[in-house]
N, C-alpha and C. Protein backbone atom coordinates (compact mmCIF):
# COMPACT_ATOMS: atom_id res chain seq x y z
N MET A 1 140.08 74.29 135.02
CA MET A 1 139.27 73.74 133.88
C MET A 1 137.90 73.88 134.22
N GLU A 2 137.67 72.95 135.40
CA GLU A 2 136.32 72.95 135.59
C GLU A 2 135.22 74.41 135.74
N LYS A 3 136.25 75.02 136.24
CA LYS A 3 135.54 76.38 136.89
C LYS A 3 134.89 77.01 135.12
N LEU A 4 135.94 77.03 134.24
CA LEU A 4 135.75 77.63 133.00
C LEU A 4 134.60 77.00 132.27
N GLU A 5 134.47 75.42 132.43
CA GLU A 5 133.31 74.58 131.68
C GLU A 5 132.20 75.02 132.38
N GLU A 6 131.89 75.42 133.88
CA GLU A 6 130.90 76.00 134.87
C GLU A 6 130.68 77.21 134.06
N GLN A 7 131.47 77.65 133.66
CA GLN A 7 131.10 79.37 133.03
C GLN A 7 130.53 79.35 131.95
N ILE A 8 131.15 78.45 131.10
CA ILE A 8 130.64 78.50 129.78
C ILE A 8 128.91 77.81 129.74
N ALA A 9 128.84 76.97 130.84
CA ALA A 9 127.75 76.24 130.78
C ALA A 9 126.52 77.41 131.25
N HIS A 10 127.01 78.00 132.26
CA HIS A 10 126.20 79.26 132.66
C HIS A 10 125.72 80.12 131.45
N LEU A 11 126.90 80.69 130.70
CA LEU A 11 126.65 81.49 129.85
C LEU A 11 125.79 80.99 128.92
N SER A 12 126.00 79.64 128.40
CA SER A 12 125.29 79.41 127.22
C SER A 12 123.79 79.37 127.66
N ARG A 13 123.36 78.88 128.74
CA ARG A 13 122.01 78.89 129.47
C ARG A 13 121.72 80.14 129.68
N THR A 14 122.25 81.18 129.85
CA THR A 14 121.74 82.75 129.87
C THR A 14 121.55 82.99 128.30
N VAL A 15 122.37 82.63 127.52
CA VAL A 15 121.87 83.25 125.83
C VAL A 15 120.85 82.46 125.50
N GLU A 16 120.38 81.33 125.85
CA GLU A 16 119.38 80.53 125.56
C GLU A 16 118.17 81.32 126.05
N ASP A 17 118.12 81.62 127.25
CA ASP A 17 117.24 82.42 127.94
C ASP A 17 117.01 83.65 127.27
N LEU A 18 117.77 84.02 127.08
CA LEU A 18 117.76 85.83 126.60
C LEU A 18 117.10 85.83 124.98
N SER A 19 117.50 84.70 124.32
CA SER A 19 117.00 84.45 123.11
C SER A 19 115.71 83.99 122.89
N GLU A 20 115.32 83.09 123.92
CA GLU A 20 113.70 83.07 124.33
C GLU A 20 112.97 84.41 124.35
N VAL A 21 113.57 85.32 125.37
CA VAL A 21 113.16 86.50 125.85
C VAL A 21 112.98 87.46 124.42
N VAL A 22 113.78 87.44 123.60
CA VAL A 22 113.81 88.19 122.51
C VAL A 22 112.85 87.87 121.57
N ALA A 23 112.84 86.38 121.51
CA ALA A 23 111.69 85.84 120.48
C ALA A 23 110.29 86.34 121.01
N ARG A 24 109.95 86.25 121.99
CA ARG A 24 108.47 86.31 122.80
C ARG A 24 108.40 88.03 122.37
N GLN A 25 109.28 88.95 122.58
CA GLN A 25 109.19 90.13 122.52
C GLN A 25 109.15 90.46 120.95
N ASP A 26 109.61 89.71 119.98
CA ASP A 26 109.51 89.95 118.61
C ASP A 26 108.07 89.80 118.28
N THR A 27 107.38 88.71 119.12
CA THR A 27 106.00 88.34 118.74
C THR A 27 105.14 89.55 119.21
N ASP A 28 105.52 90.02 120.42
CA ASP A 28 104.49 90.67 121.08
C ASP A 28 104.69 92.24 120.37
N ILE A 29 105.61 92.73 119.72
CA ILE A 29 105.89 93.66 118.98
C ILE A 29 105.18 93.83 117.86
N ALA A 30 105.28 92.44 117.13
CA ALA A 30 104.43 92.34 115.81
C ALA A 30 103.00 92.53 116.26
N LEU A 31 102.58 91.82 117.22
CA LEU A 31 100.99 92.18 117.49
C LEU A 31 100.79 93.50 117.77
N LEU A 32 101.44 94.29 118.53
CA LEU A 32 101.15 95.51 118.77
C LEU A 32 101.31 96.34 117.71
N GLN A 33 102.10 96.07 116.77
CA GLN A 33 101.96 96.76 115.64
C GLN A 33 100.98 96.69 114.62
N ARG A 34 100.43 95.63 114.76
CA ARG A 34 99.28 95.23 113.97
C ARG A 34 97.91 95.94 114.58
N ARG A 35 98.02 95.98 115.89
CA ARG A 35 96.84 96.63 116.57
C ARG A 35 96.96 98.09 116.16
N VAL A 36 97.89 98.66 116.58
CA VAL A 36 98.29 100.16 116.06
C VAL A 36 97.69 100.50 114.68
N GLN A 37 98.16 99.58 113.79
CA GLN A 37 97.77 99.70 112.23
C GLN A 37 96.14 99.70 112.38
N LEU A 38 95.42 98.99 113.07
CA LEU A 38 94.20 98.62 113.23
C LEU A 38 93.46 99.74 113.69
N LEU A 39 93.99 100.37 114.61
CA LEU A 39 93.34 101.50 115.45
C LEU A 39 93.42 102.72 114.69
N MET A 40 94.89 102.71 113.81
CA MET A 40 95.01 104.02 112.96
C MET A 40 93.77 103.78 111.82
N GLY A 41 93.80 102.70 111.18
CA GLY A 41 92.97 102.91 110.08
C GLY A 41 91.37 103.14 110.94
N ARG A 42 90.89 102.50 111.81
CA ARG A 42 89.82 103.04 112.50
C ARG A 42 89.55 104.57 112.61
N GLU A 43 90.61 105.23 113.10
CA GLU A 43 90.56 106.44 113.84
C GLU A 43 90.25 107.34 112.31
N ALA A 44 91.03 106.96 111.29
CA ALA A 44 91.15 107.56 109.80
C ALA A 44 89.57 107.41 109.28
N GLU A 45 89.18 106.33 109.35
CA GLU A 45 87.86 106.23 108.86
C GLU A 45 86.77 107.03 109.56
N ARG A 46 87.18 107.25 111.08
CA ARG A 46 85.98 107.87 111.73
C ARG A 46 86.38 109.22 111.45
N GLU A 47 87.51 110.00 111.07
CA GLU A 47 87.87 111.35 110.88
C GLU A 47 87.01 111.42 109.33
N ALA A 48 87.22 110.83 108.36
CA ALA A 48 86.64 110.75 107.31
C ALA A 48 85.45 110.78 106.92
N ALA A 49 84.74 110.36 107.98
CA ALA A 49 83.36 110.18 108.05
C ALA A 49 82.81 111.64 108.77
N GLY A 50 83.47 112.28 109.26
CA GLY A 50 83.22 113.52 109.93
C GLY A 50 82.94 113.26 111.60
N GLY A 51 83.40 112.30 112.10
CA GLY A 51 83.12 112.41 113.36
C GLY A 51 83.69 113.27 114.10
N GLY A 52 83.29 113.65 115.29
CA GLY A 52 83.74 114.80 116.17
C GLY A 52 84.86 115.23 116.23
N GLY A 53 85.11 116.33 117.20
CA GLY A 53 86.35 116.75 117.04
C GLY A 53 86.99 116.44 118.25
N VAL A 54 88.15 116.60 118.33
CA VAL A 54 88.68 116.20 119.47
C VAL A 54 88.98 117.04 120.53
N VAL A 55 88.47 116.77 121.80
CA VAL A 55 88.66 117.62 122.70
C VAL A 55 89.93 117.41 123.46
N LEU A 56 90.79 118.76 123.65
CA LEU A 56 91.66 118.56 124.34
C LEU A 56 91.56 118.93 125.85
N GLY A 57 92.75 118.52 126.68
CA GLY A 57 92.44 118.43 128.08
C GLY A 57 92.49 119.84 128.59
N ASP A 58 92.87 120.87 127.84
CA ASP A 58 92.87 122.07 128.53
C ASP A 58 92.04 123.04 128.15
N GLU A 59 91.00 122.55 127.23
CA GLU A 59 89.81 123.21 126.71
C GLU A 59 88.59 123.06 127.66
N ARG A 60 87.90 124.12 127.88
CA ARG A 60 86.92 124.17 128.67
C ARG A 60 85.29 123.41 128.02
N PRO A 61 84.90 122.88 128.45
CA PRO A 61 83.60 121.92 128.14
C PRO A 61 82.55 123.26 127.51
N PRO A 62 81.45 123.06 126.67
CA PRO A 62 80.75 123.87 126.26
C PRO A 62 80.07 124.49 127.13
N HIS A 63 79.34 123.44 128.11
CA HIS A 63 78.53 123.86 128.99
C HIS A 63 79.04 125.24 130.16
N TYR A 64 80.27 125.58 129.93
CA TYR A 64 80.90 126.65 131.05
C TYR A 64 80.47 127.86 130.65
């Protein structure tokens, strides 16, 4: 019986720890989503304002 009580206590603590991790990750994900939206908005504004074209990695620079 004591062994079962120990296992339950251990599992309860593990669940609490995991719950804290999930809550922290939820906060981090929400923050990252806001940042991505902000960056997407900035990029859309820059493109609308006629900002320069995108340079792809496999394109040669104009001085070649």
